[in-house]
């Protein structure tokens, strides 16, 4: 069968690219070896948020007396939390099936591999092979959990994020290796439902090490209060799984002091590795660099008619990035004139509680880039809506160029800030200045007022501090 476009992989990059291509009149096929929606929908973004919502509801119940409500003998039902999470993911996957039928997209079940001559070989689960041809082929094969040399994943005592969502029993003690988004989200979830959690992070900043330093410090303070132990600037040298429990050997990178942490399970959350193996890159001579496919600003590889998007190309390994790349890629194929993606205006969100969200330069990065800056910070403890909601932890921090008022970056930690960050993304896209934010009337009482107040703080005009 011949198609205008074949997409290998149906994650948030692949399925969005396929649907947009179909909207533009292309005859499209998608090759998927597992479930439609890829890792994000089935094992990442969506089911993890379902688990985190369960944890948040449980936390509300535990603190119901703070709201004048008495609830007795509440307990976390781990099995049903997992069951609900899987149900949410299954429902979303069925939604992708509907969208594919609506847009007349052909689904080919199996593992795709590039062949010379703009062909794709698909191997079905029973080993049967079939070939398809297309004028254009997009690689959107995504990524998997990165395995560390000193931390081999066995799926039983040393697990990745997929297994962490479907454990048969709740562990009493867990060590989380890696304090990025995946690590802190699972640390929050398991701690909230009663597991004793220790987070080990190699980098000195500790929690969410890629975020602004002030955000990292605030989250560390909140996690400590919640009973989560955080070991920053610490390496994991080995894990002994030979006994009934795991013995995690760690080393403080500054003092050299070694220690052993005993736990029931170790979660490896040290990032992801691109799925590039056995997809035919070598046969076509497609260039890679440091484990990622080399592409231009419209995601063309060095081989005509072959493109790559998402976690297998340079850039943040985020679902919304993959989707944006897929749309840009197919619009360029269709002869449109899309703008290249601005990778400095990509929002980053972490869904622990309180949430973390950011976009643009951190304070240190802005200084390193040579900007003279104005920084404004507004704590949610001064927000009427936050206080009324019982969610006064955290703050909004905004960074502006002192000379021209350019909106350089935003860093938030607090309730629902993953929803609030979109305002900043749009403002930066429209080249909004600090003064324009201050003069844009925000509704009262809302959490989003903190953005206006933080901008006013940067210019010495803040009212409520």
Protein backbone atom coordinates (compact mmCIF):
# COMPACT_ATOMS: atom_id res chain seq x y z
CA UNK A 1 0.00 0.00 0.00
CA UNK A 2 1.19 3.50 -0.81
CA UNK A 3 0.53 6.54 1.37
CA UNK A 4 1.34 10.23 1.25
CA UNK A 5 2.68 9.94 4.80
CA UNK A 6 3.59 7.12 7.17
CA UNK A 7 4.20 7.97 10.82
CA UNK A 8 6.11 5.44 12.92
CA UNK A 9 4.88 5.85 16.49
CA UNK A 10 1.57 7.17 17.81
CA UNK A 11 2.62 9.17 20.85
CA UNK A 12 1.77 12.88 21.25
CA UNK A 13 4.15 13.69 18.40
CA UNK A 14 3.06 10.93 16.04
CA UNK A 15 -0.70 10.98 16.45
CA UNK A 16 -0.90 14.79 16.33
CA UNK A 17 1.26 14.85 13.19
CA UNK A 18 -0.96 12.19 11.60
CA UNK A 19 -4.20 14.03 12.36
CA UNK A 20 -2.87 17.38 11.14
CA UNK A 21 -1.60 15.74 7.94
CA UNK A 22 -5.03 14.18 7.36
CA UNK A 23 -6.63 17.60 7.88
CA UNK A 24 -4.32 18.90 5.15
CA UNK A 25 -5.57 16.26 2.72
CA UNK A 26 -2.88 13.59 3.02
CA UNK A 27 -3.51 9.85 2.94
CA UNK A 28 -1.92 8.82 6.23
CA UNK A 29 -0.89 5.59 7.97
CA UNK A 30 0.40 5.21 11.51
CA UNK A 31 2.52 2.27 12.64
CA UNK A 32 2.20 1.41 16.34
CA UNK A 33 3.62 -1.62 18.15
CA UNK A 34 1.67 -1.20 21.39
CA UNK A 35 -1.26 1.11 22.24
CA UNK A 36 -2.38 4.22 20.40
CA UNK A 37 -1.29 7.35 22.24
CA UNK A 38 2.20 6.05 23.01
CA UNK A 39 3.97 6.28 26.34
CA UNK A 40 2.53 9.69 27.28
CA UNK A 41 -1.09 8.71 27.07
CA UNK A 42 -0.77 5.10 28.26
CA UNK A 43 2.15 5.15 30.69
CA UNK A 44 3.21 8.76 31.24
CA UNK A 45 1.43 12.10 31.24
CA UNK A 46 -2.18 10.95 31.63
CA UNK A 47 -2.15 7.94 34.01
CA UNK A 48 0.42 9.58 36.30
CA UNK A 49 -1.83 12.63 36.64
CA UNK A 50 -4.70 10.30 37.56
CA UNK A 51 -2.57 8.80 40.35
CA UNK A 52 -1.49 12.25 41.51
CA UNK A 53 -5.12 13.40 41.63
CA UNK A 54 -5.94 10.42 43.85
CA UNK A 55 -3.08 11.42 46.16
CA UNK A 56 -4.27 15.03 46.21
CA UNK A 57 -7.84 14.02 47.09
CA UNK A 58 -6.52 11.79 49.87
CA UNK A 59 -4.43 14.67 51.17
CA UNK A 60 -7.50 16.92 51.21
CA UNK A 61 -9.38 14.29 53.21
CA UNK A 62 -6.50 13.95 55.70
CA UNK A 63 -6.62 17.73 56.24
CA UNK A 64 -10.40 18.11 56.01
CA UNK A 65 -10.54 19.50 59.55
CA UNK A 66 -8.68 22.57 58.24
CA UNK A 67 -11.81 23.28 56.15
CA UNK A 68 -14.29 22.62 58.95
CA UNK A 69 -15.12 19.09 57.83
CA UNK A 70 -14.72 15.97 59.96
CA UNK A 71 -13.82 12.74 58.14
CA UNK A 72 -13.00 9.65 60.16
CA UNK A 73 -10.96 6.56 59.25
CA UNK A 74 -10.02 7.53 55.70
CA UNK A 75 -7.45 5.24 54.08
CA UNK A 76 -5.72 4.98 50.73
CA UNK A 77 -6.86 2.07 48.53
CA UNK A 78 -3.73 1.54 46.47
CA UNK A 79 -5.22 -1.12 44.18
CA UNK A 80 -8.20 1.04 43.26
CA UNK A 81 -5.98 4.09 42.70
CA UNK A 82 -4.01 2.04 40.18
CA UNK A 83 -7.23 0.67 38.65
CA UNK A 84 -8.64 4.19 38.19
CA UNK A 85 -5.38 5.36 36.59
CA UNK A 86 -5.43 2.49 34.07
CA UNK A 87 -9.07 3.18 33.29
CA UNK A 88 -8.35 6.83 32.51
CA UNK A 89 -5.49 5.83 30.19
CA UNK A 90 -7.59 3.19 28.42
CA UNK A 91 -10.37 5.68 27.82
CA UNK A 92 -7.97 8.22 26.33
CA UNK A 93 -6.47 5.58 24.01
CA UNK A 94 -9.96 4.78 22.73
CA UNK A 95 -10.34 8.51 22.07
CA UNK A 96 -7.32 8.39 19.74
CA UNK A 97 -8.90 5.45 17.91
CA UNK A 98 -12.02 7.57 17.34
CA UNK A 99 -9.97 10.53 16.06
CA UNK A 100 -8.10 8.26 13.64
CA UNK A 101 -11.36 6.83 12.28
CA UNK A 102 -12.79 10.34 11.98
CA UNK A 103 -9.77 11.49 9.97
CA UNK A 104 -9.58 8.27 7.89
CA UNK A 105 -6.09 7.39 9.17
CA UNK A 106 -4.93 3.81 8.63
CA UNK A 107 -3.49 2.07 11.70
CA UNK A 108 -0.88 -0.62 11.09
CA UNK A 109 -0.19 -2.77 14.16
CA UNK A 110 3.42 -3.82 14.58
CA UNK A 111 6.99 -2.57 14.77
CA UNK A 112 8.09 -0.26 11.97
CA UNK A 113 11.50 -0.19 10.32
CA UNK A 114 12.81 2.03 7.52
CA UNK A 115 13.88 0.43 4.26
CA UNK A 116 15.58 2.10 1.28
CA UNK A 117 13.28 3.56 -1.35
CA UNK A 118 10.85 5.28 1.04
CA UNK A 119 9.55 1.98 2.36
CA UNK A 120 8.52 0.89 5.83
CA UNK A 121 8.65 -2.74 6.91
CA UNK A 122 6.17 -3.64 9.64
CA UNK A 123 6.63 -6.74 11.76
CA UNK A 124 3.41 -7.86 13.44
CA UNK A 125 3.25 -9.52 16.86
CA UNK A 126 3.14 -12.96 15.23
CA UNK A 127 6.33 -12.21 13.25
CA UNK A 128 4.60 -11.65 9.91
CA UNK A 129 6.25 -8.89 7.85
CA UNK A 130 4.61 -6.49 5.41
CA UNK A 131 5.87 -3.50 3.41
CA UNK A 132 4.35 -0.07 2.83
CA UNK A 133 5.57 2.88 0.79
CA UNK A 134 5.09 6.61 1.30
CA UNK A 135 6.24 9.89 -0.17
CA UNK A 136 7.10 11.05 3.36
CA UNK A 137 7.97 9.16 6.56
CA UNK A 138 8.03 10.66 10.05
CA UNK A 139 9.91 8.90 12.82
CA UNK A 140 8.17 9.48 16.17
CA UNK A 141 9.38 6.46 18.12
CA UNK A 142 9.70 8.24 21.48
CA UNK A 143 11.85 7.23 24.41
CA UNK A 144 12.08 4.84 27.34
CA UNK A 145 13.44 5.05 30.87
CA UNK A 146 17.20 5.47 30.91
CA UNK A 147 19.03 2.58 32.57
CA UNK A 148 21.99 3.64 34.73
CA UNK A 149 25.10 1.40 34.78
CA UNK A 150 24.97 1.07 38.56
CA UNK A 151 21.20 0.62 38.64
CA UNK A 152 20.06 -2.18 36.30
CA UNK A 153 16.27 -2.27 36.03
CA UNK A 154 14.88 -5.75 36.76
CA UNK A 155 11.20 -4.79 36.91
CA UNK A 156 10.78 -6.23 40.42
CA UNK A 157 13.02 -4.52 42.96
CA UNK A 158 14.51 -1.89 40.64
CA UNK A 159 11.71 -0.46 38.54
CA UNK A 160 10.99 2.26 35.99
CA UNK A 161 8.03 4.64 35.81
CA UNK A 162 5.81 2.12 34.02
CA UNK A 163 6.09 -0.41 36.79
CA UNK A 164 5.71 2.32 39.43
CA UNK A 165 2.18 2.88 38.10
CA UNK A 166 1.15 -0.76 38.31
CA UNK A 167 2.85 -2.24 41.38
CA UNK A 168 0.92 -5.17 42.85
CA UNK A 169 1.37 -3.91 46.40
CA UNK A 170 2.26 -0.55 47.91
CA UNK A 171 5.87 -0.56 49.15
CA UNK A 172 6.58 0.47 52.73
CA UNK A 173 9.90 2.09 51.75
CA UNK A 174 11.01 3.46 48.39
CA UNK A 175 14.18 5.08 47.08
CA UNK A 176 13.69 7.36 44.07
CA UNK A 177 16.85 7.93 42.02
CA UNK A 178 16.56 11.20 40.12
CA UNK A 179 14.74 14.35 41.21
CA UNK A 180 13.43 15.63 37.90
CA UNK A 181 9.71 15.73 37.08
CA UNK A 182 9.20 11.94 37.08
CA UNK A 183 11.10 11.45 40.32
CA UNK A 184 9.39 14.18 42.36
CA UNK A 185 5.92 13.30 41.07
CA UNK A 186 6.24 9.68 42.20
CA UNK A 187 7.94 10.76 45.44
CA UNK A 188 4.92 12.97 46.20
CA UNK A 189 2.41 10.26 45.28
CA UNK A 190 3.92 7.46 47.33
CA UNK A 191 4.73 9.68 50.30
CA UNK A 192 1.16 10.99 50.40
CA UNK A 193 -0.36 7.48 50.58
CA UNK A 194 2.04 6.41 53.33
CA UNK A 195 5.25 5.07 51.79
CA UNK A 196 8.53 6.18 53.35
CA UNK A 197 10.36 7.92 50.48
CA UNK A 198 13.99 8.94 49.98
CA UNK A 199 14.98 10.91 46.87
CA UNK A 200 18.60 10.72 45.66
CA UNK A 201 19.79 13.34 43.14
CA UNK A 202 23.24 13.46 41.54
CA UNK A 203 23.20 17.23 40.93
CA UNK A 204 23.92 19.74 43.68
CA UNK A 205 20.69 21.73 43.36
CA UNK A 206 18.62 18.74 44.44
CA UNK A 207 14.92 18.72 43.59
CA UNK A 208 13.89 19.74 40.05
CA UNK A 209 17.54 20.66 39.27
CA UNK A 210 16.69 22.26 35.90
CA UNK A 211 14.30 24.76 37.48
CA UNK A 212 15.16 28.13 39.01
CA UNK A 213 17.18 27.73 42.23
CA UNK A 214 14.51 29.51 44.33
CA UNK A 215 11.86 27.04 43.18
CA UNK A 216 14.11 24.09 44.01
CA UNK A 217 14.73 25.43 47.53
CA UNK A 218 11.02 26.02 48.14
CA UNK A 219 10.05 22.52 47.00
CA UNK A 220 12.81 20.99 49.16
CA UNK A 221 11.42 22.82 52.19
CA UNK A 222 7.89 21.56 51.47
CA UNK A 223 9.03 17.98 50.82
CA UNK A 224 11.04 17.97 54.06
CA UNK A 225 7.95 19.08 55.99
CA UNK A 226 6.00 16.25 54.34
CA UNK A 227 8.58 13.73 55.53
CA UNK A 228 10.37 13.08 52.24
CA UNK A 229 14.12 12.72 52.70
CA UNK A 230 16.18 14.35 49.92
CA UNK A 231 19.85 13.58 49.32
CA UNK A 232 21.27 16.13 46.86
CA UNK A 233 24.74 16.00 45.28
CA UNK A 234 24.71 12.26 45.92
CA UNK A 235 25.56 9.34 43.66
CA UNK A 236 24.17 5.80 43.70
CA UNK A 237 27.16 3.48 43.53
CA UNK A 238 25.34 0.15 43.63
CA UNK A 239 22.13 -1.64 44.59
CA UNK A 240 22.13 -5.05 46.26
CA UNK A 241 18.88 -6.88 45.47
CA UNK A 242 20.00 -10.34 46.57
CA UNK A 243 18.13 -10.29 49.88
CA UNK A 244 14.53 -9.72 50.89
CA UNK A 245 15.05 -5.95 50.57
CA UNK A 246 17.16 -3.59 48.44
CA UNK A 247 20.33 -2.07 49.85
CA UNK A 248 21.18 1.15 48.03
CA UNK A 249 24.79 2.28 48.45
CA UNK A 250 25.17 6.05 48.07
CA UNK A 251 28.04 8.51 48.26
CA UNK A 252 27.97 12.20 49.12
CA UNK A 253 29.83 13.78 46.18
CA UNK A 254 31.17 16.62 48.33
CA UNK A 255 32.30 14.86 51.51
CA UNK A 256 32.82 11.40 50.06
CA UNK A 257 30.77 9.90 52.89
CA UNK A 258 29.11 6.60 52.00
CA UNK A 259 25.85 5.23 53.36
CA UNK A 260 23.42 2.40 52.71
CA UNK A 261 19.65 2.91 52.44
CA UNK A 262 17.43 -0.13 52.87
CA UNK A 263 14.09 -0.19 51.05
CA UNK A 264 11.53 -2.44 49.39
CA UNK A 265 11.82 -1.00 45.88
CA UNK A 266 14.03 1.43 43.95
CA UNK A 267 12.53 3.67 41.28
CA UNK A 268 15.00 4.66 38.56
CA UNK A 269 13.88 8.11 37.38
CA UNK A 270 17.10 9.40 35.83
CA UNK A 271 15.71 10.58 32.51
CA UNK A 272 14.94 8.88 29.21
CA UNK A 273 16.79 7.32 26.27
CA UNK A 274 15.61 7.69 22.67
CA UNK A 275 14.21 4.63 20.88
CA UNK A 276 16.56 4.54 17.89
CA UNK A 277 17.51 0.87 17.82
CA UNK A 278 16.37 -1.37 14.96
CA UNK A 279 14.35 1.26 13.09
CA UNK A 280 16.59 1.30 10.00
CA UNK A 281 18.64 4.45 10.57
CA UNK A 282 21.91 2.77 9.63
CA UNK A 283 20.56 1.25 6.41
CA UNK A 284 19.54 4.68 5.14
CA UNK A 285 22.55 6.53 6.55
CA UNK A 286 20.45 8.83 8.72
CA UNK A 287 22.76 10.94 10.85
CA UNK A 288 22.63 10.92 14.63
CA UNK A 289 24.54 12.78 17.32
CA UNK A 290 24.76 11.81 21.00
CA UNK A 291 21.91 9.37 20.71
CA UNK A 292 19.52 11.71 18.88
CA UNK A 293 18.57 12.15 15.22
CA UNK A 294 20.00 15.26 13.56
CA UNK A 295 17.29 17.40 11.95
CA UNK A 296 16.87 20.91 10.59
CA UNK A 297 14.37 23.48 11.89
CA UNK A 298 11.53 21.70 10.07
CA UNK A 299 12.59 18.21 11.26
CA UNK A 300 14.07 16.99 7.98
CA UNK A 301 16.82 14.42 8.39
CA UNK A 302 19.75 14.25 5.95
CA UNK A 303 17.73 11.74 3.89
CA UNK A 304 15.09 13.29 1.64
CA UNK A 305 11.54 12.37 2.61
CA UNK A 306 12.44 11.15 6.11
CA UNK A 307 11.71 13.30 9.18
CA UNK A 308 12.04 12.92 12.95
CA UNK A 309 10.20 14.55 15.85
CA UNK A 310 9.74 14.26 19.60
CA UNK A 311 12.03 12.58 22.10
CA UNK A 312 14.39 11.26 19.41
CA UNK A 313 15.55 14.74 18.33
CA UNK A 314 17.35 17.49 20.31
CA UNK A 315 15.14 19.57 22.59
CA UNK A 316 13.07 19.04 25.71
CA UNK A 317 11.54 15.55 25.90
CA UNK A 318 8.01 16.84 26.55
CA UNK A 319 4.67 15.79 25.06
CA UNK A 320 3.66 19.31 24.04
CA UNK A 321 7.01 19.83 22.33
CA UNK A 322 6.55 16.66 20.27
CA UNK A 323 3.04 17.74 19.27
CA UNK A 324 4.23 21.18 18.18
CA UNK A 325 7.09 19.65 16.20
CA UNK A 326 4.71 17.23 14.48
CA UNK A 327 2.39 20.04 13.37
CA UNK A 328 5.26 22.18 12.08
CA UNK A 329 6.74 19.19 10.24
CA UNK A 330 3.58 18.21 8.35
CA UNK A 331 2.60 21.80 7.58
CA UNK A 332 6.02 22.26 5.95
CA UNK A 333 5.55 19.01 4.01
CA UNK A 334 2.16 20.31 2.82
CA UNK A 335 3.76 23.46 1.42
CA UNK A 336 2.72 25.84 4.17
CA UNK A 337 5.12 28.30 5.80
CA UNK A 338 5.12 27.51 9.52
CA UNK A 339 7.39 29.38 11.92
CA UNK A 340 10.20 27.29 13.44
CA UNK A 341 9.57 26.37 17.06
CA UNK A 342 10.95 28.78 19.67
CA UNK A 343 12.55 26.38 22.14
CA UNK A 344 13.11 29.21 24.64
CA UNK A 345 9.35 29.61 25.03
CA UNK A 346 8.48 26.04 25.97
CA UNK A 347 6.65 25.67 29.30
CA UNK A 348 7.85 23.02 31.73
CA UNK A 349 5.41 21.55 34.26
CA UNK A 350 5.85 19.23 37.22
CA UNK A 351 2.67 17.88 38.81
CA UNK A 352 3.71 17.14 42.37
CA UNK A 353 1.99 19.18 45.08
CA UNK A 354 2.50 22.06 45.10
CA UNK A 355 2.95 22.12 41.33
CA UNK A 356 5.96 23.61 39.55
CA UNK A 357 5.82 25.48 36.23
CA UNK A 358 8.29 27.61 34.32
CA UNK A 359 9.17 29.09 30.96
CA UNK A 360 12.14 31.01 29.58
CA UNK A 361 15.29 32.05 31.41
CA UNK A 362 16.03 31.25 35.03
CA UNK A 363 17.50 34.15 36.98
CA UNK A 364 21.00 32.71 36.71
CA UNK A 365 20.63 31.89 33.00
CA UNK A 366 19.49 35.47 32.28
CA UNK A 367 22.55 36.84 34.05
CA UNK A 368 24.81 34.39 32.24
CA UNK A 369 23.29 35.55 28.93
CA UNK A 370 24.39 39.11 29.74
CA UNK A 371 21.05 40.66 30.60
CA UNK A 372 20.65 43.36 33.22
CA UNK A 373 17.49 42.16 34.89
CA UNK A 374 14.56 43.14 37.07
CA UNK A 375 13.15 40.35 39.23
CA UNK A 376 9.74 40.37 40.89
CA UNK A 377 8.48 37.78 43.35
CA UNK A 378 5.02 37.45 44.87
CA UNK A 379 4.30 34.79 47.53
CA UNK A 380 0.98 32.99 47.57
CA UNK A 381 0.89 33.66 51.31
CA UNK A 382 -0.13 37.21 50.30
CA UNK A 383 -2.85 35.98 47.91
CA UNK A 384 -6.43 36.09 49.18
CA UNK A 385 -7.54 33.26 46.88
CA UNK A 386 -4.59 31.07 47.91
CA UNK A 387 -5.28 31.65 51.61
CA UNK A 388 -8.99 30.92 51.17
CA UNK A 389 -8.12 27.73 49.27
CA UNK A 390 -5.70 26.54 51.94
CA UNK A 391 -2.92 26.64 49.34
CA UNK A 392 -0.59 29.42 50.46
CA UNK A 393 2.69 27.59 49.76
CA UNK A 394 4.89 28.87 46.95
CA UNK A 395 5.27 31.97 44.83
CA UNK A 396 5.44 33.47 41.34
CA UNK A 397 8.82 34.83 40.22
CA UNK A 398 9.12 36.89 37.02
CA UNK A 399 12.27 38.08 35.26
CA UNK A 400 12.44 41.06 32.89
CA UNK A 401 15.16 42.77 30.89
CA UNK A 402 15.82 46.04 32.72
CA UNK A 403 16.56 48.00 29.53
CA UNK A 404 13.60 47.13 27.28
CA UNK A 405 11.17 45.37 29.61
CA UNK A 406 11.40 42.09 27.65
CA UNK A 407 9.68 39.22 29.47
CA UNK A 408 12.61 36.86 29.99
CA UNK A 409 11.17 34.15 32.20
CA UNK A 410 8.67 32.97 34.79
CA UNK A 411 9.03 30.46 37.61
CA UNK A 412 6.12 29.33 39.72
CA UNK A 413 5.51 26.90 42.56
CA UNK A 414 2.06 26.58 44.03
CA UNK A 415 -1.47 25.25 43.54
CA UNK A 416 -2.52 24.98 39.88
CA UNK A 417 0.48 26.88 38.50
CA UNK A 418 0.64 24.40 35.60
CA UNK A 419 -2.57 26.08 34.40
CA UNK A 420 -1.28 29.60 35.07
CA UNK A 421 1.95 29.28 33.06
CA UNK A 422 0.09 29.44 29.72
CA UNK A 423 -0.55 33.17 30.27
CA UNK A 424 3.19 33.77 30.36
CA UNK A 425 3.84 31.63 27.27
CA UNK A 426 1.31 33.65 25.26
CA UNK A 427 2.60 36.95 26.67
CA UNK A 428 6.17 36.10 25.67
CA UNK A 429 5.03 34.95 22.22
CA UNK A 430 3.37 38.35 21.76
CA UNK A 431 6.52 40.13 23.04
CA UNK A 432 4.64 41.58 25.99
CA UNK A 433 6.61 43.81 28.38
CA UNK A 434 6.57 43.96 32.16
CA UNK A 435 4.57 47.20 32.19
CA UNK A 436 1.93 45.66 29.92
CA UNK A 437 1.50 42.77 32.36
CA UNK A 438 1.08 45.23 35.24
CA UNK A 439 -1.57 47.20 33.34
CA UNK A 440 -3.51 44.06 32.28
CA UNK A 441 -6.32 43.78 34.83
CA UNK A 442 -6.41 40.35 36.46
CA UNK A 443 -9.61 39.10 38.13
CA UNK A 444 -9.86 39.13 41.92
CA UNK A 445 -9.66 36.90 43.82
CA UNK A 446 -7.63 34.46 41.73
CA UNK A 447 -4.29 32.72 41.92
CA UNK A 448 -3.37 34.35 38.60
CA UNK A 449 -3.28 37.78 40.24
CA UNK A 450 0.14 36.71 41.51
CA UNK A 451 1.51 37.12 37.97
CA UNK A 452 0.42 40.76 37.83
CA UNK A 453 1.68 41.34 41.39
CA UNK A 454 5.05 39.75 40.65
CA UNK A 455 5.44 41.99 37.59
CA UNK A 456 4.58 45.00 39.74
CA UNK A 457 7.12 43.86 42.34
CA UNK A 458 9.83 43.86 39.68
CA UNK A 459 9.10 47.53 38.97
CA UNK A 460 8.55 48.63 42.59
CA UNK A 461 4.81 49.01 42.13
CA UNK A 462 3.46 46.01 44.05
CA UNK A 463 0.36 46.77 46.13
CA UNK A 464 -0.16 43.73 48.34
CA UNK A 465 3.32 43.24 49.77
